[in-house]
């Protein structure tokens, strides 16, 4: 079943309502039904460094993309690189 723009708008509104009900702050929101473009950026008031983005456009057809932005410290990056190198060397 192909998703119509009305269905996409309904689903987008449901997602953003759920985020608001879950105490997320929607800092940006764009709805352009004519071109089937939907976008929202949200974060929790207690953690503004971790951002959730909801994106859908004509190019994504019947889908929404959820993007999570998470800040990673230098120390975390170094630990992950060390782990990855250890797994590669173990093979």
PDB file of N, CA and C in Angstrom:
ATOM      1  N   UNK A   1       0.836  -1.177   0.000  1.00  0.00           N
ATOM      2  CA  UNK A   1       0.000   0.000   0.000  1.00  0.00           C
ATOM      3  C   UNK A   1       0.886   1.247   0.000  1.00  0.00           C
ATOM      4  N   UNK A   2       0.656   2.128  -0.915  1.00  0.00           N
ATOM      5  CA  UNK A   2       1.440   3.357  -1.008  1.00  0.00           C
ATOM      6  C   UNK A   2       0.909   4.367   0.003  1.00  0.00           C
ATOM      7  N   UNK A   3       1.841   4.997   0.711  1.00  0.00           N
ATOM      8  CA  UNK A   3       1.466   5.994   1.699  1.00  0.00           C
ATOM      9  C   UNK A   3       1.161   7.309   0.992  1.00  0.00           C
ATOM     10  N   UNK A   4       0.023   7.899   1.316  1.00  0.00           N
ATOM     11  CA  UNK A   4      -0.333   9.192   0.745  1.00  0.00           C
ATOM     12  C   UNK A   4       0.244  10.295   1.610  1.00  0.00           C
ATOM     13  N   UNK A   5       0.226  11.518   1.078  1.00  0.00           N
ATOM     14  CA  UNK A   5       0.713  12.654   1.851  1.00  0.00           C
ATOM     15  C   UNK A   5      -0.116  12.851   3.112  1.00  0.00           C
ATOM     16  N   UNK A   6      -1.442  12.583   3.030  1.00  0.00           N
ATOM     17  CA  UNK A   6      -2.291  12.700   4.216  1.00  0.00           C
ATOM     18  C   UNK A   6      -1.872  11.691   5.280  1.00  0.00           C
ATOM     19  N   UNK A   7      -1.558  10.456   4.864  1.00  0.00           N
ATOM     20  CA  UNK A   7      -1.094   9.446   5.814  1.00  0.00           C
ATOM     21  C   UNK A   7       0.238   9.864   6.426  1.00  0.00           C
ATOM     22  N   UNK A   8       1.133  10.380   5.592  1.00  0.00           N
ATOM     23  CA  UNK A   8       2.435  10.814   6.089  1.00  0.00           C
ATOM     24  C   UNK A   8       2.259  11.922   7.120  1.00  0.00           C
ATOM     25  N   UNK A   9       1.385  12.864   6.825  1.00  0.00           N
ATOM     26  CA  UNK A   9       1.148  13.966   7.760  1.00  0.00           C
ATOM     27  C   UNK A   9       0.559  13.436   9.066  1.00  0.00           C
ATOM     28  N   UNK A  10      -0.367  12.493   8.981  1.00  0.00           N
ATOM     29  CA  UNK A  10      -0.970  11.887  10.168  1.00  0.00           C
ATOM     30  C   UNK A  10       0.097  11.193  11.021  1.00  0.00           C
ATOM     31  N   UNK A  11       0.969  10.413  10.378  1.00  0.00           N
ATOM     32  CA  UNK A  11       2.027   9.703  11.096  1.00  0.00           C
ATOM     33  C   UNK A  11       3.025  10.693  11.701  1.00  0.00           C
ATOM     34  N   UNK A  12       3.411  11.702  10.932  1.00  0.00           N
ATOM     35  CA  UNK A  12       4.340  12.716  11.429  1.00  0.00           C
ATOM     36  C   UNK A  12       3.757  13.421  12.649  1.00  0.00           C
ATOM     37  N   UNK A  13       2.494  13.795  12.572  1.00  0.00           N
ATOM     38  CA  UNK A  13       1.841  14.458  13.702  1.00  0.00           C
ATOM     39  C   UNK A  13       1.793  13.528  14.917  1.00  0.00           C
ATOM     40  N   UNK A  14       1.575  12.240  14.689  1.00  0.00           N
ATOM     41  CA  UNK A  14       1.575  11.269  15.779  1.00  0.00           C
ATOM     42  C   UNK A  14       2.944  11.161  16.443  1.00  0.00           C
ATOM     43  N   UNK A  15       3.998  11.145  15.634  1.00  0.00           N
ATOM     44  CA  UNK A  15       5.367  11.054  16.163  1.00  0.00           C
ATOM     45  C   UNK A  15       5.688  12.303  16.987  1.00  0.00           C
ATOM     46  N   UNK A  16       5.407  13.482  16.436  1.00  0.00           N
ATOM     47  CA  UNK A  16       5.733  14.711  17.156  1.00  0.00           C
ATOM     48  C   UNK A  16       4.871  14.858  18.415  1.00  0.00           C
ATOM     49  N   UNK A  17       3.619  14.414  18.377  1.00  0.00           N
ATOM     50  CA  UNK A  17       2.763  14.439  19.573  1.00  0.00           C
ATOM     51  C   UNK A  17       3.340  13.518  20.653  1.00  0.00           C
ATOM     52  N   UNK A  18       3.787  12.309  20.234  1.00  0.00           N
ATOM     53  CA  UNK A  18       4.382  11.375  21.181  1.00  0.00           C
ATOM     54  C   UNK A  18       5.639  11.971  21.810  1.00  0.00           C
ATOM     55  N   UNK A  19       6.478  12.623  20.997  1.00  0.00           N
ATOM     56  CA  UNK A  19       7.683  13.255  21.532  1.00  0.00           C
ATOM     57  C   UNK A  19       7.324  14.331  22.561  1.00  0.00           C
ATOM     58  N   UNK A  20       6.344  15.190  22.235  1.00  0.00           N
ATOM     59  CA  UNK A  20       5.923  16.231  23.182  1.00  0.00           C
ATOM     60  C   UNK A  20       5.352  15.620  24.461  1.00  0.00           C
ATOM     61  N   UNK A  21       4.524  14.586  24.302  1.00  0.00           N
ATOM     62  CA  UNK A  21       3.952  13.910  25.470  1.00  0.00           C
ATOM     63  C   UNK A  21       5.031  13.253  26.328  1.00  0.00           C
ATOM     64  N   UNK A  22       6.177  12.925  25.712  1.00  0.00           N
ATOM     65  CA  UNK A  22       7.297  12.306  26.427  1.00  0.00           C
ATOM     66  C   UNK A  22       8.299  13.347  26.923  1.00  0.00           C
ATOM     67  N   UNK A  23       7.858  14.612  26.964  1.00  0.00           N
ATOM     68  CA  UNK A  23       8.642  15.742  27.488  1.00  0.00           C
ATOM     69  C   UNK A  23       9.793  16.189  26.600  1.00  0.00           C
ATOM     70  N   UNK A  24       9.795  15.806  25.329  1.00  0.00           N
ATOM     71  CA  UNK A  24      10.788  16.326  24.403  1.00  0.00           C
ATOM     72  C   UNK A  24      10.379  17.731  23.986  1.00  0.00           C
ATOM     73  N   UNK A  25      11.367  18.556  23.697  1.00  0.00           N
ATOM     74  CA  UNK A  25      11.116  19.886  23.161  1.00  0.00           C
ATOM     75  C   UNK A  25      11.347  19.823  21.663  1.00  0.00           C
ATOM     76  N   UNK A  26      10.374  20.251  20.883  1.00  0.00           N
ATOM     77  CA  UNK A  26      10.518  20.317  19.427  1.00  0.00           C
ATOM     78  C   UNK A  26      11.094  21.703  19.130  1.00  0.00           C
ATOM     79  N   UNK A  27      12.363  21.739  18.733  1.00  0.00           N
ATOM     80  CA  UNK A  27      13.017  23.027  18.496  1.00  0.00           C
ATOM     81  C   UNK A  27      12.833  23.515  17.064  1.00  0.00           C
ATOM     82  N   UNK A  28      12.589  22.601  16.159  1.00  0.00           N
ATOM     83  CA  UNK A  28      12.325  22.964  14.759  1.00  0.00           C
ATOM     84  C   UNK A  28      11.269  22.020  14.223  1.00  0.00           C
ATOM     85  N   UNK A  29      10.387  22.562  13.392  1.00  0.00           N
ATOM     86  CA  UNK A  29       9.380  21.707  12.762  1.00  0.00           C
ATOM     87  C   UNK A  29       8.981  22.322  11.427  1.00  0.00           C
ATOM     88  N   UNK A  30       8.955  21.488  10.402  1.00  0.00           N
ATOM     89  CA  UNK A  30       8.580  21.966   9.073  1.00  0.00           C
ATOM     90  C   UNK A  30       7.681  20.919   8.437  1.00  0.00           C
ATOM     91  N   UNK A  31       6.510  21.356   7.987  1.00  0.00           N
ATOM     92  CA  UNK A  31       5.578  20.468   7.298  1.00  0.00           C
ATOM     93  C   UNK A  31       5.195  21.141   5.987  1.00  0.00           C
ATOM     94  N   UNK A  32       5.543  20.496   4.885  1.00  0.00           N
ATOM     95  CA  UNK A  32       5.155  20.983   3.559  1.00  0.00           C
ATOM     96  C   UNK A  32       4.500  19.818   2.831  1.00  0.00           C
ATOM     97  N   UNK A  33       3.189  19.707   2.969  1.00  0.00           N
ATOM     98  CA  UNK A  33       2.455  18.556   2.441  1.00  0.00           C
ATOM     99  C   UNK A  33       2.554  18.496   0.918  1.00  0.00           C
ATOM    100  N   UNK A  34       2.542  19.649   0.262  1.00  0.00           N
ATOM    101  CA  UNK A  34       2.563  19.695  -1.205  1.00  0.00           C
ATOM    102  C   UNK A  34       3.771  18.949  -1.775  1.00  0.00           C
ATOM    103  N   UNK A  35       4.928  19.103  -1.138  1.00  0.00           N
ATOM    104  CA  UNK A  35       6.138  18.436  -1.618  1.00  0.00           C
ATOM    105  C   UNK A  35       6.491  17.219  -0.776  1.00  0.00           C
ATOM    106  N   UNK A  36       5.593  16.855   0.129  1.00  0.00           N
ATOM    107  CA  UNK A  36       5.772  15.670   0.983  1.00  0.00           C
ATOM    108  C   UNK A  36       7.047  15.764   1.823  1.00  0.00           C
ATOM    109  N   UNK A  37       7.296  16.967   2.386  1.00  0.00           N
ATOM    110  CA  UNK A  37       8.468  17.177   3.225  1.00  0.00           C
ATOM    111  C   UNK A  37       8.044  17.385   4.672  1.00  0.00           C
ATOM    112  N   UNK A  38       8.616  16.579   5.548  1.00  0.00           N
ATOM    113  CA  UNK A  38       8.320  16.668   6.971  1.00  0.00           C
ATOM    114  C   UNK A  38       9.642  16.631   7.721  1.00  0.00           C
ATOM    115  N   UNK A  39       9.789  17.516   8.705  1.00  0.00           N
ATOM    116  CA  UNK A  39      11.032  17.568   9.468  1.00  0.00           C
ATOM    117  C   UNK A  39      10.737  18.058  10.876  1.00  0.00           C
ATOM    118  N   UNK A  40      11.362  17.438  11.845  1.00  0.00           N
ATOM    119  CA  UNK A  40      11.296  17.924  13.224  1.00  0.00           C
ATOM    120  C   UNK A  40      12.610  17.602  13.912  1.00  0.00           C
ATOM    121  N   UNK A  41      13.021  18.505  14.792  1.00  0.00           N
ATOM    122  CA  UNK A  41      14.210  18.291  15.611  1.00  0.00           C
ATOM    123  C   UNK A  41      13.755  18.394  17.061  1.00  0.00           C
ATOM    124  N   UNK A  42      14.133  17.390  17.872  1.00  0.00           N
ATOM    125  CA  UNK A  42      13.687  17.353  19.258  1.00  0.00           C
ATOM    126  C   UNK A  42      14.820  16.969  20.198  1.00  0.00           C
ATOM    127  N   UNK A  43      14.680  17.389  21.447  1.00  0.00           N
ATOM    128  CA  UNK A  43      15.630  17.008  22.487  1.00  0.00           C
ATOM    129  C   UNK A  43      14.925  17.075  23.827  1.00  0.00           C
ATOM    130  N   UNK A  44      15.495  16.396  24.803  1.00  0.00           N
ATOM    131  CA  UNK A  44      14.977  16.463  26.165  1.00  0.00           C
ATOM    132  C   UNK A  44      15.538  17.707  26.845  1.00  0.00           C
ATOM    133  N   UNK A  45      14.757  18.375  27.683  1.00  0.00           N
ATOM    134  CA  UNK A  45      15.264  19.577  28.363  1.00  0.00           C
ATOM    135  C   UNK A  45      16.514  19.295  29.201  1.00  0.00           C
ATOM    136  N   UNK A  46      16.623  18.113  29.754  1.00  0.00           N
ATOM    137  CA  UNK A  46      17.761  17.767  30.604  1.00  0.00           C
ATOM    138  C   UNK A  46      18.999  17.346  29.808  1.00  0.00           C
ATOM    139  N   UNK A  47      18.850  17.172  28.492  1.00  0.00           N
ATOM    140  CA  UNK A  47      19.963  16.662  27.686  1.00  0.00           C
ATOM    141  C   UNK A  47      19.881  17.227  26.277  1.00  0.00           C
ATOM    142  N   UNK A  48      20.326  18.460  26.118  1.00  0.00           N
ATOM    143  CA  UNK A  48      20.200  19.125  24.821  1.00  0.00           C
ATOM    144  C   UNK A  48      21.288  18.734  23.837  1.00  0.00           C
ATOM    145  N   UNK A  49      22.205  17.868  24.252  1.00  0.00           N
ATOM    146  CA  UNK A  49      23.282  17.443  23.362  1.00  0.00           C
ATOM    147  C   UNK A  49      22.891  16.233  22.519  1.00  0.00           C
ATOM    148  N   UNK A  50      21.867  15.490  22.950  1.00  0.00           N
ATOM    149  CA  UNK A  50      21.386  14.328  22.202  1.00  0.00           C
ATOM    150  C   UNK A  50      20.118  14.740  21.465  1.00  0.00           C
ATOM    151  N   UNK A  51      20.199  14.775  20.167  1.00  0.00           N
ATOM    152  CA  UNK A  51      19.114  15.311  19.345  1.00  0.00           C
ATOM    153  C   UNK A  51      18.503  14.198  18.494  1.00  0.00           C
ATOM    154  N   UNK A  52      17.185  14.220  18.389  1.00  0.00           N
ATOM    155  CA  UNK A  52      16.457  13.309  17.506  1.00  0.00           C
ATOM    156  C   UNK A  52      15.907  14.140  16.357  1.00  0.00           C
ATOM    157  N   UNK A  53      16.117  13.661  15.127  1.00  0.00           N
ATOM    158  CA  UNK A  53      15.543  14.320  13.966  1.00  0.00           C
ATOM    159  C   UNK A  53      14.637  13.330  13.242  1.00  0.00           C
ATOM    160  N   UNK A  54      13.467  13.801  12.840  1.00  0.00           N
ATOM    161  CA  UNK A  54      12.525  13.007  12.060  1.00  0.00           C
ATOM    162  C   UNK A  54      12.471  13.673  10.683  1.00  0.00           C
ATOM    163  N   UNK A  55      12.759  12.893   9.634  1.00  0.00           N
ATOM    164  CA  UNK A  55      12.868  13.452   8.292  1.00  0.00           C
ATOM    165  C   UNK A  55      12.105  12.583   7.310  1.00  0.00           C
ATOM    166  N   UNK A  56      11.360  13.223   6.446  1.00  0.00           N
ATOM    167  CA  UNK A  56      10.748  12.534   5.319  1.00  0.00           C
ATOM    168  C   UNK A  56      10.608  13.533   4.190  1.00  0.00           C
ATOM    169  N   UNK A  57      10.886  13.071   2.988  1.00  0.00           N
ATOM    170  CA  UNK A  57      10.754  13.939   1.821  1.00  0.00           C
ATOM    171  C   UNK A  57      10.292  13.097   0.642  1.00  0.00           C
ATOM    172  N   UNK A  58      10.083  13.747  -0.463  1.00  0.00           N
ATOM    173  CA  UNK A  58       9.613  13.036  -1.657  1.00  0.00           C
ATOM    174  C   UNK A  58      10.572  11.907  -2.021  1.00  0.00           C
ATOM    175  N   UNK A  59      11.865  12.098  -1.802  1.00  0.00           N
ATOM    176  CA  UNK A  59      12.866  11.092  -2.132  1.00  0.00           C
ATOM    177  C   UNK A  59      12.802   9.855  -1.259  1.00  0.00           C
ATOM    178  N   UNK A  60      12.212   9.975  -0.072  1.00  0.00           N
ATOM    179  CA  UNK A  60      12.133   8.817   0.818  1.00  0.00           C
ATOM    180  C   UNK A  60      10.811   8.074   0.661  1.00  0.00           C
ATOM    181  N   UNK A  61       9.997   8.511  -0.248  1.00  0.00           N
ATOM    182  CA  UNK A  61       8.706   7.904  -0.575  1.00  0.00           C
ATOM    183  C   UNK A  61       7.876   7.602   0.659  1.00  0.00           C
ATOM    184  N   UNK A  62       7.778   6.343   1.054  1.00  0.00           N
ATOM    185  CA  UNK A  62       6.866   5.961   2.128  1.00  0.00           C
ATOM    186  C   UNK A  62       7.562   5.837   3.478  1.00  0.00           C
ATOM    187  N   UNK A  63       8.694   6.465   3.636  1.00  0.00           N
ATOM    188  CA  UNK A  63       9.470   6.251   4.855  1.00  0.00           C
ATOM    189  C   UNK A  63       9.736   7.548   5.610  1.00  0.00           C
ATOM    190  N   UNK A  64       9.983   7.364   6.893  1.00  0.00           N
ATOM    191  CA  UNK A  64      10.522   8.426   7.731  1.00  0.00           C
ATOM    192  C   UNK A  64      11.894   7.961   8.184  1.00  0.00           C
ATOM    193  N   UNK A  65      12.825   8.876   8.247  1.00  0.00           N
ATOM    194  CA  UNK A  65      14.150   8.560   8.774  1.00  0.00           C
ATOM    195  C   UNK A  65      14.249   9.173  10.158  1.00  0.00           C
ATOM    196  N   UNK A  66      14.784   8.417  11.073  1.00  0.00           N
ATOM    197  CA  UNK A  66      15.072   8.930  12.401  1.00  0.00           C
ATOM    198  C   UNK A  66      16.584   9.026  12.528  1.00  0.00           C
ATOM    199  N   UNK A  67      17.059  10.211  12.841  1.00  0.00           N
ATOM    200  CA  UNK A  67      18.489  10.402  13.029  1.00  0.00           C
ATOM    201  C   UNK A  67      18.724  10.787  14.478  1.00  0.00           C
ATOM    202  N   UNK A  68      19.703  10.174  15.073  1.00  0.00           N
ATOM    203  CA  UNK A  68      20.082  10.491  16.443  1.00  0.00           C
ATOM    204  C   UNK A  68      21.463  11.115  16.426  1.00  0.00           C
ATOM    205  N   UNK A  69      21.605  12.228  17.082  1.00  0.00           N
ATOM    206  CA  UNK A  69      22.913  12.865  17.208  1.00  0.00           C
ATOM    207  C   UNK A  69      23.355  12.717  18.651  1.00  0.00           C
ATOM    208  N   UNK A  70      24.471  12.087  18.806  1.00  0.00           N
ATOM    209  CA  UNK A  70      25.008  11.837  20.132  1.00  0.00           C
ATOM    210  C   UNK A  70      26.441  12.361  20.168  1.00  0.00           C
ATOM    211  N   UNK A  71      26.737  13.191  21.156  1.00  0.00           N
ATOM    212  CA  UNK A  71      28.105  13.680  21.303  1.00  0.00           C
ATOM    213  C   UNK A  71      28.956  12.585  21.918  1.00  0.00           C
ATOM    214  N   UNK A  72      30.113  12.392  21.348  1.00  0.00           N
ATOM    215  CA  UNK A  72      31.043  11.381  21.834  1.00  0.00           C
ATOM    216  C   UNK A  72      32.348  12.093  22.187  1.00  0.00           C
ATOM    217  N   UNK A  73      32.847  11.815  23.374  1.00  0.00           N
ATOM    218  CA  UNK A  73      34.086  12.465  23.821  1.00  0.00           C
ATOM    219  C   UNK A  73      35.293  11.832  23.135  1.00  0.00           C
ATOM    220  N   UNK A  74      36.418  12.519  23.190  1.00  0.00           N
ATOM    221  CA  UNK A  74      37.674  11.984  22.638  1.00  0.00           C
ATOM    222  C   UNK A  74      38.007  10.652  23.302  1.00  0.00           C
ATOM    223  N   UNK A  75      37.809  10.592  24.606  1.00  0.00           N
ATOM    224  CA  UNK A  75      38.120   9.372  25.356  1.00  0.00           C
ATOM    225  C   UNK A  75      37.249   8.210  24.869  1.00  0.00           C
ATOM    226  N   UNK A  76      35.963   8.458  24.637  1.00  0.00           N
ATOM    227  CA  UNK A  76      35.077   7.400  24.138  1.00  0.00           C
ATOM    228  C   UNK A  76      35.506   6.943  22.750  1.00  0.00           C
ATOM    229  N   UNK A  77      35.898   7.883  21.905  1.00  0.00           N
ATOM    230  CA  UNK A  77      36.365   7.525  20.563  1.00  0.00           C
ATOM    231  C   UNK A  77      37.613   6.656  20.628  1.00  0.00           C
ATOM    232  N   UNK A  78      38.547   7.042  21.486  1.00  0.00           N
ATOM    233  CA  UNK A  78      39.782   6.270  21.628  1.00  0.00           C
ATOM    234  C   UNK A  78      39.498   4.862  22.146  1.00  0.00           C
ATOM    235  N   UNK A  79      38.574   4.741  23.104  1.00  0.00           N
ATOM    236  CA  UNK A  79      38.211   3.423  23.639  1.00  0.00           C
ATOM    237  C   UNK A  79      37.589   2.552  22.553  1.00  0.00           C
ATOM    238  N   UNK A  80      36.709   3.140  21.752  1.00  0.00           N
ATOM    239  CA  UNK A  80      36.065   2.378  20.673  1.00  0.00           C
ATOM    240  C   UNK A  80      37.077   1.954  19.619  1.00  0.00           C
ATOM    241  N   UNK A  81      38.017   2.840  19.293  1.00  0.00           N
ATOM    242  CA  UNK A  81      39.050   2.489  18.319  1.00  0.00           C
ATOM    243  C   UNK A  81      39.927   1.362  18.851  1.00  0.00           C
ATOM    244  N   UNK A  82      40.255   1.417  20.136  1.00  0.00           N
ATOM    245  CA  UNK A  82      41.066   0.359  20.754  1.00  0.00           C
ATOM    246  C   UNK A  82      40.339  -0.977  20.707  1.00  0.00           C
ATOM    247  N   UNK A  83      39.071  -0.963  21.002  1.00  0.00           N
ATOM    248  CA  UNK A  83      38.257  -2.187  20.958  1.00  0.00           C
ATOM    249  C   UNK A  83      38.213  -2.746  19.540  1.00  0.00           C
ATOM    250  N   UNK A  84      37.985  -1.850  18.574  1.00  0.00           N
ATOM    251  CA  UNK A  84      37.897  -2.290  17.177  1.00  0.00           C
ATOM    252  C   UNK A  84      39.220  -2.883  16.717  1.00  0.00           C
ATOM    253  N   UNK A  85      40.330  -2.269  17.099  1.00  0.00           N
ATOM    254  CA  UNK A  85      41.640  -2.795  16.725  1.00  0.00           C
ATOM    255  C   UNK A  85      41.883  -4.136  17.386  1.00  0.00           C
ATOM    256  N   UNK A  86      41.449  -4.302  18.637  1.00  0.00           N
ATOM    257  CA  UNK A  86      41.596  -5.560  19.352  1.00  0.00           C
ATOM    258  C   UNK A  86      40.817  -6.676  18.682  1.00  0.00           C
ATOM    259  N   UNK A  87      39.619  -6.373  18.200  1.00  0.00           N
ATOM    260  CA  UNK A  87      38.810  -7.387  17.515  1.00  0.00           C
ATOM    261  C   UNK A  87      39.426  -7.752  16.180  1.00  0.00           C
ATOM    262  N   UNK A  88      39.982  -6.775  15.479  1.00  0.00           N
ATOM    263  CA  UNK A  88      40.610  -7.038  14.180  1.00  0.00           C
ATOM    264  C   UNK A  88      41.850  -7.909  14.361  1.00  0.00           C
ATOM    265  N   UNK A  89      42.641  -7.627  15.390  1.00  0.00           N
ATOM    266  CA  UNK A  89      43.867  -8.382  15.642  1.00  0.00           C
ATOM    267  C   UNK A  89      43.570  -9.804  16.133  1.00  0.00           C
ATOM    268  N   UNK A  90      42.417  -9.981  16.772  1.00  0.00           N
ATOM    269  CA  UNK A  90      42.044 -11.306  17.322  1.00  0.00           C
ATOM    270  C   UNK A  90      41.643 -12.272  16.218  1.00  0.00           C
ATOM    271  N   UNK A  91      41.313 -11.786  15.070  1.00  0.00           N
ATOM    272  CA  UNK A  91      40.859 -12.649  13.972  1.00  0.00           C
ATOM    273  C   UNK A  91      42.008 -13.290  13.346  1.00  0.00           C
TER     274      UNK A  91
END
